[in-house]
Amino acid sequence: MRPQAIVVGAGLAGSSAAERLVARGWQVDLIDRAAAPGEGASGNLVGVMRPLPSLDDNRLSRLTHAAFAFALQHFARLTAENLPLCWAPSGVLHLGRDAAHVATQQRVVEARQAAADVLRFVDREEASHLAGWPVALGGWWFPRAGWVNPASLCRANVARCGTAIRLHFGCQVAQIGEHGGLWSVRDAAGRVIAEAPVLVLANAVDARRFPVTGQLPLRSARGQVSHLAAEADSPPQVVVCRLGYVTPAVDGVRCAGATFAVDDGEVGLRAADHAENLARLDFILPGYSKALVPAGIGGRVGFRPLAPDRLPMIGPIAASATIDPTAPALPLGRLPRVPGLFLINGFGARGIVWSALAGELLASLICGEPPPLADDLVHAVDPGRFVLPGRSRRSQRSAARPLNTPTAG
């Protein structure tokens, strides 16, 4: 008999976890309140997929670099199997914010010594040529990076599962509970949607609604993307970033954005946010917005889950009710966990690049396999990091720092 799991949430996180478990021979029940995969935070028309180099090669940089390489392999598999993934390695041009940032970008390229098809520095002239538009400064060029339709990635992940996945769309999970080693997921009427020994929560900030997960420091970040009508051959034909991003035209629409507002629940489009996106667009491509008609601009609002330290949460959920916060420091490996309960969440604005590797990491942890990342990175994304007794004041301050700052560019 196949091992069984329930995954709540069919966005990038949940569909990736389900696909990686099915690849290991599991049977998965995938549950989502929407009518199809990728209709929540993963529902934007186009998103950006690229690495994130740094001078000190920090944890965020290393995690994103590993995830980018894994995502390229995953996309190649999906494409080879003719699954419905819509993406293009158009290249991503990340322009410097100012002269000091450009100098840092140059030092990063020299220090990292990446292959030229992964990362290289381009001067202003070459950057303008790549963008098809005069730009103010040079910056990083990622030739193998590009844009992705995130909902198509969710659909492709689900399609790859074949008959090993049972789909429960239009189902709102109201209760979760464990009895006798079996997790049950119920709707508002108390009806059982699915039961299994393993439960994975990939349902964004809704994951903290249950008593057993109420300690999770997940927060919601509102992001508004502006949709601009565009001809297929109009510039830019690569993704260009600079404290924001603008994409090539995809099916007649170019995306620009995005705003970033933590704990802002407004679901409607806002004219002020479109104006902010257009100002950011002009910072990227000077004068580009002059020919645009603001009244004709569309868009989409999405709500992205994120953790205080901007790293994802991937792994078993800590049994926080049994932990004494005043106890001496305790290593993550000795932290008590809720049996059979796992989390894959908190991707923020980096779900496209992180999701495939996150699903692989989670599946390896569930199955007791060697993880695909170094131990320090596995620990860095462990959900238990926020409830460790004996955490230093410095780490507590870091987890509590304001989050109302953009993550792109």
Protein backbone atom coordinates (compact mmCIF):
# COMPACT_ATOMS: atom_id res chain seq x y z
CA MET A 1 0.00 0.00 0.00
CA ARG A 2 1.26 3.45 -0.88
CA PRO A 3 2.13 5.84 1.97
CA GLN A 4 -0.47 8.62 2.17
CA ALA A 5 -0.38 12.34 2.82
CA ILE A 6 -2.73 15.30 2.77
CA VAL A 7 -1.55 18.62 1.36
CA VAL A 8 -3.65 21.71 2.10
CA GLY A 9 -3.07 24.42 -0.49
CA ALA A 10 -2.59 23.97 -4.24
CA GLY A 11 -0.35 26.94 -4.97
CA LEU A 12 3.36 26.79 -5.71
CA ALA A 13 4.19 25.41 -2.28
CA GLY A 14 1.49 22.75 -2.08
CA SER A 15 1.65 21.57 -5.69
CA SER A 16 5.44 21.23 -5.45
CA ALA A 17 5.19 19.23 -2.21
CA ALA A 18 2.54 16.96 -3.71
CA GLU A 19 4.54 16.36 -6.89
CA ARG A 20 7.71 15.45 -4.97
CA LEU A 21 5.84 13.06 -2.66
CA VAL A 22 4.10 11.37 -5.60
CA ALA A 23 7.50 11.00 -7.29
CA ARG A 24 8.48 8.91 -4.26
CA GLY A 25 5.46 6.64 -4.56
CA TRP A 26 3.04 8.42 -2.22
CA GLN A 27 -0.71 8.88 -2.62
CA VAL A 28 -1.70 12.49 -1.98
CA ASP A 29 -4.99 14.25 -1.25
CA LEU A 30 -4.60 17.86 -2.42
CA ILE A 31 -7.12 20.30 -0.96
CA ASP A 32 -7.76 23.92 -1.90
CA ARG A 33 -10.63 26.33 -1.37
CA ALA A 34 -10.26 27.65 -4.93
CA ALA A 35 -11.59 25.94 -8.04
CA ALA A 36 -8.18 25.14 -9.56
CA PRO A 37 -4.45 25.15 -8.73
CA GLY A 38 -2.63 28.46 -8.35
CA GLU A 39 -5.53 30.86 -7.86
CA GLY A 40 -4.29 32.51 -4.68
CA ALA A 41 -0.87 34.09 -4.14
CA SER A 42 0.39 31.97 -7.06
CA GLY A 43 -2.13 33.45 -9.49
CA ASN A 44 -0.20 36.37 -10.98
CA LEU A 45 0.10 36.38 -14.76
CA VAL A 46 3.90 36.43 -14.75
CA GLY A 47 6.60 36.20 -12.12
CA VAL A 48 10.39 36.43 -12.16
CA MET A 49 12.75 33.46 -11.70
CA ARG A 50 16.41 34.30 -11.03
CA PRO A 51 19.21 33.73 -8.50
CA LEU A 52 20.15 36.30 -5.88
CA PRO A 53 23.94 36.70 -5.57
CA SER A 54 25.59 38.47 -2.65
CA LEU A 55 29.08 39.55 -1.71
CA ASP A 56 29.13 37.45 1.48
CA ASP A 57 27.30 34.47 -0.07
CA ASN A 58 24.78 34.57 2.77
CA ARG A 59 22.09 31.98 3.49
CA LEU A 60 19.43 33.71 1.39
CA SER A 61 21.83 33.89 -1.54
CA ARG A 62 22.96 30.25 -1.21
CA LEU A 63 19.40 29.00 -0.83
CA THR A 64 18.20 30.93 -3.87
CA HIS A 65 21.17 29.85 -5.97
CA ALA A 66 20.51 26.17 -5.18
CA ALA A 67 16.78 26.63 -5.77
CA PHE A 68 17.36 28.33 -9.13
CA ALA A 69 19.49 25.42 -10.38
CA PHE A 70 16.93 22.89 -9.14
CA ALA A 71 14.06 24.83 -10.71
CA LEU A 72 15.75 24.81 -14.12
CA GLN A 73 16.04 21.02 -13.90
CA HIS A 74 12.42 20.70 -12.81
CA PHE A 75 11.19 22.95 -15.62
CA ALA A 76 13.15 20.88 -18.12
CA ARG A 77 11.42 17.71 -16.84
CA LEU A 78 7.98 19.27 -17.08
CA THR A 79 8.66 20.61 -20.56
CA ALA A 80 10.05 17.27 -21.79
CA GLU A 81 6.84 15.57 -20.62
CA ASN A 82 4.66 18.14 -22.46
CA LEU A 83 3.04 19.31 -19.24
CA PRO A 84 1.31 22.72 -19.22
CA LEU A 85 4.18 24.90 -18.00
CA CYS A 86 4.32 28.39 -19.50
CA TRP A 87 7.72 30.01 -19.07
CA ALA A 88 10.66 31.41 -21.03
CA PRO A 89 14.37 31.77 -20.19
CA SER A 90 14.31 35.28 -21.64
CA GLY A 91 17.13 36.43 -19.40
CA VAL A 92 16.87 38.80 -16.44
CA LEU A 93 18.67 42.14 -16.31
CA HIS A 94 19.10 43.47 -12.75
CA LEU A 95 20.20 47.09 -13.00
CA GLY A 96 22.12 48.83 -10.25
CA ARG A 97 20.17 51.23 -8.05
CA ASP A 98 22.99 53.78 -8.05
CA ALA A 99 26.72 54.00 -8.68
CA ALA A 100 27.59 52.45 -5.30
CA HIS A 101 25.31 49.50 -5.97
CA VAL A 102 26.81 49.02 -9.43
CA ALA A 103 30.28 48.86 -7.85
CA THR A 104 29.00 46.21 -5.42
CA GLN A 105 27.49 44.24 -8.30
CA GLN A 106 30.86 44.24 -10.04
CA ARG A 107 32.61 43.01 -6.89
CA VAL A 108 30.02 40.25 -6.46
CA VAL A 109 30.63 38.98 -9.99
CA GLU A 110 34.39 39.00 -9.41
CA ALA A 111 34.05 37.23 -6.03
CA ARG A 112 31.54 34.59 -7.08
CA GLN A 113 33.30 33.71 -10.37
CA ALA A 114 30.08 32.29 -11.77
CA ALA A 115 29.88 30.80 -15.24
CA ALA A 116 29.08 33.43 -17.87
CA ASP A 117 25.78 31.72 -18.73
CA VAL A 118 24.70 32.08 -15.09
CA LEU A 119 25.83 35.61 -14.19
CA ARG A 120 27.94 38.37 -15.63
CA PHE A 121 28.23 42.12 -15.24
CA VAL A 122 27.17 44.36 -18.14
CA ASP A 123 27.91 48.05 -18.51
CA ARG A 124 25.29 50.71 -19.28
CA GLU A 125 25.69 50.39 -23.04
CA GLU A 126 25.22 46.63 -23.09
CA ALA A 127 22.40 46.86 -20.55
CA SER A 128 20.58 49.32 -22.79
CA HIS A 129 21.02 46.96 -25.73
CA LEU A 130 19.66 44.00 -23.74
CA ALA A 131 16.69 46.03 -22.49
CA GLY A 132 15.97 47.54 -25.88
CA TRP A 133 15.69 50.87 -24.08
CA PRO A 134 18.19 53.46 -22.76
CA VAL A 135 18.90 52.76 -19.10
CA ALA A 136 20.75 54.76 -16.47
CA LEU A 137 23.26 52.18 -15.25
CA GLY A 138 24.64 48.72 -15.88
CA GLY A 139 24.18 45.73 -13.64
CA TRP A 140 23.80 41.96 -13.47
CA TRP A 141 22.77 39.85 -16.44
CA PHE A 142 21.35 36.38 -15.79
CA PRO A 143 21.16 34.72 -19.24
CA ARG A 144 19.36 31.56 -18.07
CA ALA A 145 16.81 33.30 -15.85
CA GLY A 146 13.42 34.46 -17.07
CA TRP A 147 9.70 34.70 -16.49
CA VAL A 148 7.16 32.08 -15.42
CA ASN A 149 3.39 31.91 -15.32
CA PRO A 150 3.09 30.60 -11.75
CA ALA A 151 -0.39 29.09 -12.09
CA SER A 152 0.82 27.05 -15.06
CA LEU A 153 3.63 25.68 -12.89
CA CYS A 154 1.05 24.65 -10.27
CA ARG A 155 -1.06 22.94 -12.95
CA ALA A 156 1.97 21.16 -14.39
CA ASN A 157 2.99 19.90 -10.95
CA VAL A 158 -0.50 18.53 -10.36
CA ALA A 159 -0.72 16.99 -13.83
CA ARG A 160 2.58 15.18 -13.28
CA CYS A 161 1.05 13.37 -10.30
CA GLY A 162 -1.41 11.51 -12.54
CA THR A 163 -3.75 9.13 -10.72
CA ALA A 164 -1.66 9.23 -7.53
CA ILE A 165 -3.33 12.49 -6.52
CA ARG A 166 -6.92 13.02 -5.37
CA LEU A 167 -8.09 16.58 -5.93
CA HIS A 168 -10.47 18.38 -3.56
CA PHE A 169 -11.08 21.84 -5.00
CA GLY A 170 -13.68 24.24 -3.66
CA CYS A 171 -13.09 22.83 -0.16
CA GLN A 172 -12.48 25.16 2.78
CA VAL A 173 -10.59 23.44 5.59
CA ALA A 174 -12.09 24.44 8.91
CA GLN A 175 -10.56 21.91 11.30
CA ILE A 176 -7.55 19.63 11.53
CA GLY A 177 -6.99 16.99 14.14
CA GLU A 178 -4.93 13.91 14.91
CA HIS A 179 -6.11 10.70 16.53
CA GLY A 180 -4.32 7.39 16.71
CA GLY A 181 -1.59 8.45 14.30
CA LEU A 182 -4.07 9.64 11.66
CA TRP A 183 -4.65 13.28 10.69
CA SER A 184 -8.15 14.26 9.61
CA VAL A 185 -9.11 17.40 7.72
CA ARG A 186 -12.71 18.58 8.04
CA ASP A 187 -14.93 21.26 6.53
CA ALA A 188 -17.08 23.76 8.44
CA ALA A 189 -19.86 21.18 8.82
CA GLY A 190 -17.44 18.73 10.42
CA ARG A 191 -17.37 16.43 7.41
CA VAL A 192 -14.08 14.63 6.79
CA ILE A 193 -12.44 15.74 3.55
CA ALA A 194 -9.45 13.40 3.86
CA GLU A 195 -7.45 11.36 6.37
CA ALA A 196 -3.78 10.34 6.33
CA PRO A 197 -0.80 9.85 8.67
CA VAL A 198 0.95 12.93 7.24
CA LEU A 199 -0.52 16.43 6.89
CA VAL A 200 1.26 19.24 5.03
CA LEU A 201 0.08 22.83 5.45
CA ALA A 202 0.82 24.90 2.36
CA ASN A 203 -2.11 27.29 2.70
CA ALA A 204 -0.30 30.61 3.23
CA VAL A 205 -1.32 32.59 6.32
CA ASP A 206 -4.39 30.39 6.79
CA ALA A 207 -1.97 27.81 8.20
CA ARG A 208 -1.88 29.72 11.49
CA ARG A 209 -5.65 29.49 12.04
CA PHE A 210 -5.46 26.14 13.80
CA PRO A 211 -4.62 25.83 17.51
CA VAL A 212 -1.61 23.60 16.87
CA THR A 213 -0.08 26.14 14.44
CA GLY A 214 -1.19 29.40 16.04
CA GLN A 215 2.40 30.23 17.06
CA LEU A 216 3.61 30.49 13.46
CA PRO A 217 4.84 34.05 12.78
CA LEU A 218 3.42 34.12 9.24
CA ARG A 219 2.31 37.50 7.93
CA SER A 220 0.58 38.56 4.75
CA ALA A 221 2.12 40.99 2.26
CA ARG A 222 -0.20 42.65 -0.23
CA GLY A 223 1.27 43.07 -3.70
CA GLN A 224 -0.39 44.88 -6.60
CA VAL A 225 0.91 44.23 -10.11
CA SER A 226 0.04 46.53 -13.02
CA HIS A 227 -0.94 45.00 -16.37
CA LEU A 228 0.05 47.00 -19.45
CA ALA A 229 -1.18 46.26 -22.95
CA ALA A 230 1.87 45.48 -25.12
CA GLU A 231 2.83 44.22 -28.58
CA ALA A 232 4.71 40.94 -28.68
CA ASP A 233 7.86 42.42 -30.25
CA SER A 234 7.97 45.60 -28.13
CA PRO A 235 10.78 46.27 -25.63
CA PRO A 236 11.79 45.02 -23.22
CA GLN A 237 11.91 41.43 -24.36
CA VAL A 238 13.82 40.43 -21.23
CA VAL A 239 12.85 40.89 -17.59
CA VAL A 240 14.36 44.09 -16.20
CA CYS A 241 14.64 44.76 -12.44
CA ARG A 242 15.59 47.84 -10.45
CA LEU A 243 13.68 48.23 -7.16
CA GLY A 244 10.85 46.55 -9.03
CA TYR A 245 10.47 44.68 -12.30
CA VAL A 246 8.96 44.81 -15.76
CA THR A 247 8.42 41.72 -17.90
CA PRO A 248 8.27 41.01 -21.61
CA ALA A 249 4.83 40.95 -23.20
CA VAL A 250 3.09 37.63 -22.55
CA ASP A 251 -0.18 37.10 -24.43
CA GLY A 252 -0.40 40.84 -25.06
CA VAL A 253 0.18 41.89 -21.44
CA ARG A 254 3.31 43.28 -19.80
CA CYS A 255 3.52 43.13 -15.99
CA ALA A 256 5.12 45.85 -13.86
CA GLY A 257 5.38 46.05 -10.12
CA ALA A 258 4.98 45.19 -7.53
CA THR A 259 3.88 47.03 -4.43
CA PHE A 260 4.62 45.49 -1.06
CA ALA A 261 2.50 46.21 2.01
CA VAL A 262 2.51 43.95 5.06
CA ASP A 263 -0.79 43.34 6.91
CA ASP A 264 -2.78 45.27 4.29
CA GLY A 265 -5.95 43.33 3.45
CA GLU A 266 -7.41 45.56 0.72
CA VAL A 267 -8.42 43.25 -2.14
CA GLY A 268 -9.35 45.88 -4.72
CA LEU A 269 -7.00 47.57 -7.17
CA ARG A 270 -5.79 51.00 -6.07
CA ALA A 271 -4.93 53.90 -8.38
CA ALA A 272 -2.17 54.98 -5.99
CA ASP A 273 -0.53 51.58 -6.31
CA HIS A 274 -0.67 51.75 -10.11
CA ALA A 275 0.97 55.18 -9.89
CA GLU A 276 3.68 53.69 -7.65
CA ASN A 277 4.29 50.90 -10.15
CA LEU A 278 4.51 53.36 -13.03
CA ALA A 279 7.00 55.49 -11.09
CA ARG A 280 9.04 52.36 -10.45
CA LEU A 281 8.78 51.48 -14.14
CA ASP A 282 10.26 54.86 -15.07
CA PHE A 283 13.08 54.28 -12.59
CA ILE A 284 13.82 51.03 -14.44
CA LEU A 285 13.30 52.33 -18.00
CA PRO A 286 13.43 56.14 -17.96
CA GLY A 287 10.46 57.73 -19.75
CA TYR A 288 8.81 54.41 -20.53
CA SER A 289 5.46 55.24 -18.91
CA LYS A 290 4.88 58.47 -20.87
CA ALA A 291 3.02 56.66 -23.64
CA LEU A 292 0.82 54.70 -21.22
CA VAL A 293 -2.74 55.65 -20.39
CA PRO A 294 -3.32 55.16 -16.63
CA ALA A 295 -7.08 54.70 -17.05
CA GLY A 296 -6.48 51.69 -19.28
CA ILE A 297 -4.15 49.88 -16.89
CA GLY A 298 -5.37 46.64 -15.34
CA GLY A 299 -3.78 44.58 -12.63
CA ARG A 300 -4.03 41.97 -9.92
CA VAL A 301 -3.70 41.96 -6.16
CA GLY A 302 -2.12 38.99 -4.41
CA PHE A 303 -1.34 38.23 -0.78
CA ARG A 304 2.01 36.53 -0.16
CA PRO A 305 2.89 34.76 3.09
CA LEU A 306 6.24 35.61 4.60
CA ALA A 307 8.27 34.98 7.73
CA PRO A 308 9.97 37.71 9.79
CA ASP A 309 13.43 36.80 8.50
CA ARG A 310 12.32 36.55 4.85
CA LEU A 311 13.32 32.88 4.62
CA PRO A 312 10.74 30.18 3.92
CA MET A 313 9.38 27.72 6.49
CA ILE A 314 9.94 24.12 5.41
CA GLY A 315 9.81 21.12 7.72
CA PRO A 316 8.09 19.56 10.74
CA ILE A 317 6.04 21.85 12.99
CA ALA A 318 7.29 22.33 16.54
CA ALA A 319 5.16 21.20 19.46
CA SER A 320 5.27 24.71 20.93
CA ALA A 321 2.83 23.94 23.75
CA THR A 322 5.42 21.60 25.28
CA ILE A 323 8.35 24.03 25.05
CA ASP A 324 9.44 26.15 28.00
CA PRO A 325 10.57 29.50 26.53
CA THR A 326 12.76 30.15 29.60
CA ALA A 327 14.62 26.84 29.28
CA PRO A 328 18.30 26.73 28.28
CA ALA A 329 19.23 26.86 24.60
CA LEU A 330 18.12 23.78 22.70
CA PRO A 331 19.40 22.62 19.28
CA LEU A 332 16.81 22.32 16.53
CA GLY A 333 17.39 18.57 16.31
CA ARG A 334 16.12 18.11 19.88
CA LEU A 335 13.07 20.35 19.52
CA PRO A 336 9.83 18.42 20.15
CA ARG A 337 7.65 18.16 17.04
CA VAL A 338 3.99 17.48 16.31
CA PRO A 339 4.03 13.96 14.81
CA GLY A 340 3.08 13.86 11.16
CA LEU A 341 2.48 17.63 10.78
CA PHE A 342 4.62 19.58 8.30
CA LEU A 343 4.80 23.07 6.85
CA ILE A 344 5.89 24.45 3.47
CA ASN A 345 5.13 28.15 3.51
CA GLY A 346 6.40 31.71 3.84
CA PHE A 347 7.77 32.09 0.30
CA GLY A 348 7.04 35.81 0.10
CA ALA A 349 7.94 37.15 -3.34
CA ARG A 350 10.26 34.23 -4.19
CA GLY A 351 7.84 31.35 -4.60
CA ILE A 352 8.70 30.68 -8.23
CA VAL A 353 12.40 30.21 -7.64
CA TRP A 354 12.07 28.45 -4.26
CA SER A 355 9.10 26.14 -4.74
CA ALA A 356 10.61 23.15 -6.59
CA LEU A 357 13.56 22.77 -4.20
CA ALA A 358 11.30 23.45 -1.22
CA GLY A 359 9.06 20.57 -2.30
CA GLU A 360 12.11 18.31 -2.67
CA LEU A 361 13.41 19.30 0.77
CA LEU A 362 10.06 18.72 2.43
CA ALA A 363 9.60 15.32 0.77
CA SER A 364 13.10 14.26 1.85
CA LEU A 365 12.37 15.26 5.45
CA ILE A 366 9.04 13.42 5.47
CA CYS A 367 10.66 10.30 4.02
CA GLY A 368 13.74 10.41 6.24
CA GLU A 369 16.12 10.85 3.30
CA PRO A 370 19.30 12.95 3.20
CA PRO A 371 18.19 16.52 2.43
CA PRO A 372 19.21 18.25 -0.82
CA LEU A 373 20.76 21.18 1.09
CA ALA A 374 23.57 21.70 3.56
CA ASP A 375 22.58 21.32 7.21
CA ASP A 376 22.87 25.02 7.99
CA LEU A 377 20.38 25.85 5.22
CA VAL A 378 18.01 23.10 6.35
CA HIS A 379 18.13 24.60 9.84
CA ALA A 380 17.73 28.12 8.44
CA VAL A 381 14.32 27.24 6.95
CA ASP A 382 13.14 24.97 9.79
CA PRO A 383 9.80 26.31 11.14
CA GLY A 384 11.05 25.49 14.65
CA ARG A 385 13.59 28.29 14.51
CA PHE A 386 11.04 30.77 15.82
CA VAL A 387 10.12 28.83 18.96
CA LEU A 388 13.56 27.69 20.11
CA PRO A 389 14.03 28.26 23.85
CA GLY A 390 17.08 30.32 24.69
CA ARG A 391 16.99 32.30 21.43
CA SER A 392 19.27 35.31 21.62
CA ARG A 393 17.86 38.82 21.95
CA ARG A 394 19.55 39.65 18.69
CA SER A 395 17.63 36.94 16.81
CA GLN A 396 14.39 38.04 18.47
CA ARG A 397 14.97 41.61 17.33
CA SER A 398 15.71 40.36 13.83
CA ALA A 399 12.45 38.39 13.73
CA ALA A 400 10.51 41.45 14.88
CA ARG A 401 11.96 44.07 12.54
CA PRO A 402 9.58 45.95 10.19
CA LEU A 403 8.75 44.24 6.93
CA ASN A 404 7.20 47.06 4.90
CA THR A 405 9.98 47.13 2.35
CA PRO A 406 9.95 45.80 -1.21
CA THR A 407 11.78 42.56 -1.96
CA ALA A 408 12.29 42.97 -5.68
CA GLY A 409 15.30 44.56 -7.35
